Protein backbone atom coordinates (compact mmCIF):
# COMPACT_ATOMS: atom_id res chain seq x y z
CA MET A 1 -0.02 0.29 0.00
CA PHE A 2 1.86 3.21 -0.77
CA SER A 3 0.60 6.55 1.44
CA LEU A 4 -1.01 9.58 -0.15
CA GLY A 5 -1.24 12.86 0.40
CA ILE A 6 -3.89 15.29 -1.34
CA LEU A 7 -3.55 18.86 -1.24
CA THR A 8 -6.09 20.73 -2.79
CA VAL A 9 -5.34 24.10 -3.59
CA SER A 10 -7.91 26.66 -3.74
CA THR A 11 -8.45 30.22 -1.46
CA GLY A 12 -12.29 29.59 -2.50
CA GLY A 13 -12.27 26.39 -0.84
CA TYR A 14 -9.77 27.21 2.19
CA HIS A 15 -12.37 30.15 3.43
CA GLY A 16 -15.63 28.00 2.86
CA ARG A 17 -16.89 29.33 0.04
CA ARG A 18 -16.29 26.45 -2.68
CA GLU A 19 -16.67 22.45 -2.29
CA ASP A 20 -13.40 20.40 -3.00
CA ALA A 21 -15.05 18.13 -5.87
CA SER A 22 -11.20 17.46 -7.13
CA GLY A 23 -10.22 16.60 -3.95
CA ARG A 24 -12.82 14.16 -3.71
CA VAL A 25 -12.10 12.66 -7.50
CA ILE A 26 -8.47 12.25 -6.35
CA ARG A 27 -9.74 9.98 -2.82
CA GLU A 28 -11.71 8.06 -5.21
CA LEU A 29 -9.25 7.47 -7.83
CA LEU A 30 -6.10 6.59 -5.90
CA ALA A 31 -7.68 4.77 -2.97
CA PRO A 32 -7.49 1.52 -0.82
CA PRO A 33 -5.93 -1.36 -1.40
CA GLN A 34 -3.45 0.38 -3.51
CA TYR A 35 -3.44 3.88 -1.73
CA GLU A 36 -3.95 4.92 1.56
CA ALA A 37 -4.97 9.32 2.28
CA ARG A 38 -3.02 9.76 5.26
CA ARG A 39 -2.77 13.53 4.81
CA TYR A 40 -5.60 15.88 2.95
CA GLU A 41 -5.88 19.18 3.29
CA ILE A 42 -6.80 22.94 1.49
CA VAL A 43 -4.96 25.71 1.56
CA PRO A 44 -4.91 28.72 -0.05
CA ASP A 45 -3.10 29.69 -3.71
CA GLU A 46 -0.42 30.98 -1.83
CA ARG A 47 2.78 29.86 -3.04
CA GLY A 48 4.70 29.39 0.50
CA ALA A 49 1.37 26.58 1.62
CA ILE A 50 2.11 25.13 -1.14
CA GLU A 51 5.60 24.71 -0.72
CA ASP A 52 5.09 24.17 2.67
CA ARG A 53 3.00 21.39 2.58
CA PHE A 54 5.02 19.73 -0.09
CA ARG A 55 8.30 20.28 1.64
CA THR A 56 6.59 18.62 5.33
CA TRP A 57 4.20 15.98 3.87
CA ALA A 58 7.78 14.49 1.96
CA ASP A 59 9.94 15.12 4.48
CA ASP A 60 8.42 14.65 7.78
CA ASP A 61 5.82 12.76 6.95
CA GLY A 62 7.32 10.84 4.30
CA LEU A 63 4.67 10.14 1.95
CA ASP A 64 5.28 7.72 -1.23
CA LEU A 65 2.91 10.49 -3.29
CA VAL A 66 1.28 13.65 -3.25
CA VAL A 67 -1.26 14.89 -5.55
CA SER A 68 -2.48 18.59 -5.63
CA THR A 69 -5.03 19.75 -7.34
CA GLY A 70 -5.39 23.51 -8.07
CA GLY A 71 -3.57 26.29 -8.84
CA THR A 72 -1.76 25.19 -12.48
CA GLY A 73 -4.01 27.53 -15.11
CA PHE A 74 -2.81 31.19 -16.79
CA GLY A 75 -3.89 33.40 -13.75
CA PRO A 76 -1.96 35.30 -11.68
CA GLN A 77 -3.19 33.23 -8.78
CA ASP A 78 -1.68 30.11 -9.79
CA VAL A 79 1.61 29.32 -8.37
CA THR A 80 1.12 25.09 -8.14
CA PRO A 81 3.69 24.63 -10.45
CA GLU A 82 6.60 27.49 -9.28
CA ALA A 83 5.37 25.86 -5.44
CA CYS A 84 6.36 22.04 -7.05
CA ARG A 85 9.54 23.33 -9.00
CA ALA A 86 10.85 24.99 -6.08
CA VAL A 87 10.57 21.63 -3.79
CA ILE A 88 11.23 18.83 -6.18
CA HIS A 89 14.71 16.97 -6.52
CA ARG A 90 14.33 16.01 -9.73
CA GLU A 91 11.32 16.55 -12.56
CA ALA A 92 9.21 14.01 -14.04
CA PRO A 93 8.17 15.59 -16.92
CA GLY A 94 6.37 12.01 -19.19
CA LEU A 95 3.84 12.18 -16.41
CA PRO A 96 2.42 15.63 -16.75
CA GLU A 97 3.55 15.23 -20.81
CA ALA A 98 1.41 12.26 -21.33
CA MET A 99 -1.18 13.87 -19.33
CA ARG A 100 -1.21 16.60 -21.21
CA LEU A 101 -1.19 14.73 -24.98
CA ARG A 102 -4.17 11.94 -23.78
CA THR A 103 -6.63 14.84 -22.56
CA LEU A 104 -6.10 16.75 -25.37
CA GLU A 105 -7.94 14.80 -27.60
CA LYS A 106 -10.93 15.28 -25.46
CA THR A 107 -10.79 19.03 -25.13
CA PRO A 108 -8.26 21.59 -26.82
CA MET A 109 -7.96 23.41 -23.01
CA ALA A 110 -5.60 20.85 -22.21
CA MET A 111 -3.01 23.18 -23.51
CA LEU A 112 -3.56 25.31 -21.37
CA SER A 113 -2.26 23.36 -17.98
CA ARG A 114 1.15 23.83 -16.42
CA SER A 115 0.67 20.82 -14.31
CA VAL A 116 3.79 19.09 -13.07
CA ALA A 117 5.46 16.64 -12.02
CA GLY A 118 8.68 15.75 -9.63
CA ILE A 119 10.68 13.99 -7.05
CA ARG A 120 11.66 15.00 -3.61
CA GLY A 121 14.00 12.05 -2.26
CA ASN A 122 11.19 8.89 -1.92
CA THR A 123 8.11 10.95 -2.64
CA LEU A 124 6.59 11.38 -5.84
CA ILE A 125 4.67 14.88 -6.13
CA VAL A 126 1.89 15.66 -8.95
CA THR A 127 -0.04 18.58 -10.23
CA LEU A 128 -3.46 18.68 -11.69
CA PRO A 129 -5.74 21.16 -12.82
CA GLY A 130 -8.67 22.35 -10.69
CA SER A 131 -11.95 20.69 -11.96
CA PRO A 132 -12.83 17.26 -11.41
CA LYS A 133 -12.80 16.34 -14.37
CA ALA A 134 -10.07 17.34 -15.60
CA VAL A 135 -8.70 15.35 -11.88
CA ARG A 136 -10.12 12.35 -13.77
CA GLU A 137 -8.93 12.92 -17.62
CA CYS A 138 -5.50 13.14 -16.15
CA LEU A 139 -5.59 10.67 -12.91
CA GLU A 140 -6.94 8.07 -15.71
CA VAL A 141 -3.87 8.53 -18.46
CA ILE A 142 -1.02 8.13 -15.06
CA ILE A 143 -2.56 5.28 -12.74
CA PRO A 144 -1.20 2.42 -14.54
CA VAL A 145 2.39 3.47 -14.13
CA LEU A 146 2.26 5.32 -10.30
CA PRO A 147 2.57 2.12 -8.73
CA HIS A 148 6.05 1.27 -10.50
CA ALA A 149 7.37 4.78 -9.93
CA LEU A 150 6.58 4.91 -6.59
CA GLU A 151 8.12 1.36 -6.05
CA LEU A 152 11.14 2.37 -7.74
CA LEU A 153 11.27 5.29 -5.21
CA ARG A 154 10.87 3.05 -2.00
CA ASP A 155 14.31 1.52 -3.69
CA THR A 156 16.58 3.58 -1.53
CA ALA A 157 19.16 0.82 -1.29
CA GLY A 158 19.71 1.37 -5.27
CA GLY A 159 18.27 -2.33 -6.00
CA ARG A 160 17.03 -3.52 -9.34
CA HIS A 161 13.68 -3.63 -10.30
CA PRO A 162 12.48 -5.29 -13.75
CA HIS A 163 10.12 -3.14 -15.89
CA PRO A 164 6.69 -4.21 -16.23
């Protein structure tokens, strides 16, 4: 079982003015028995708050996977990609590239996503758009490879894993 943190980036949600439908979709798709949501929080669209949760959940809580939703668009308040890049040690560009490529088949708005993914220590951090529909479509693209990616990150001894 992989430990999971779900971070919703929404100033409206943080202040109780908006329901967190996107966080629910993450919890639904990344569910037991493969995933256990150990952390969940809604933070405002503030880079420092986002960076803090990414760091704390990776470094202190040692989560395997952190998935955020919101703040990846073109608006001036959309700072989740910058927060993610500030805390990761290595990017994992194939995940957001695949999400954009596959969701572009459904909507031209996929071109406006600035989602990023990367690795901090042994934690994979993936940033998703804010709409529940986009969250579902993006996760459906990467769910098949997540277990293998997370197993590779768990291997701190540097051993070899068979590739699927």
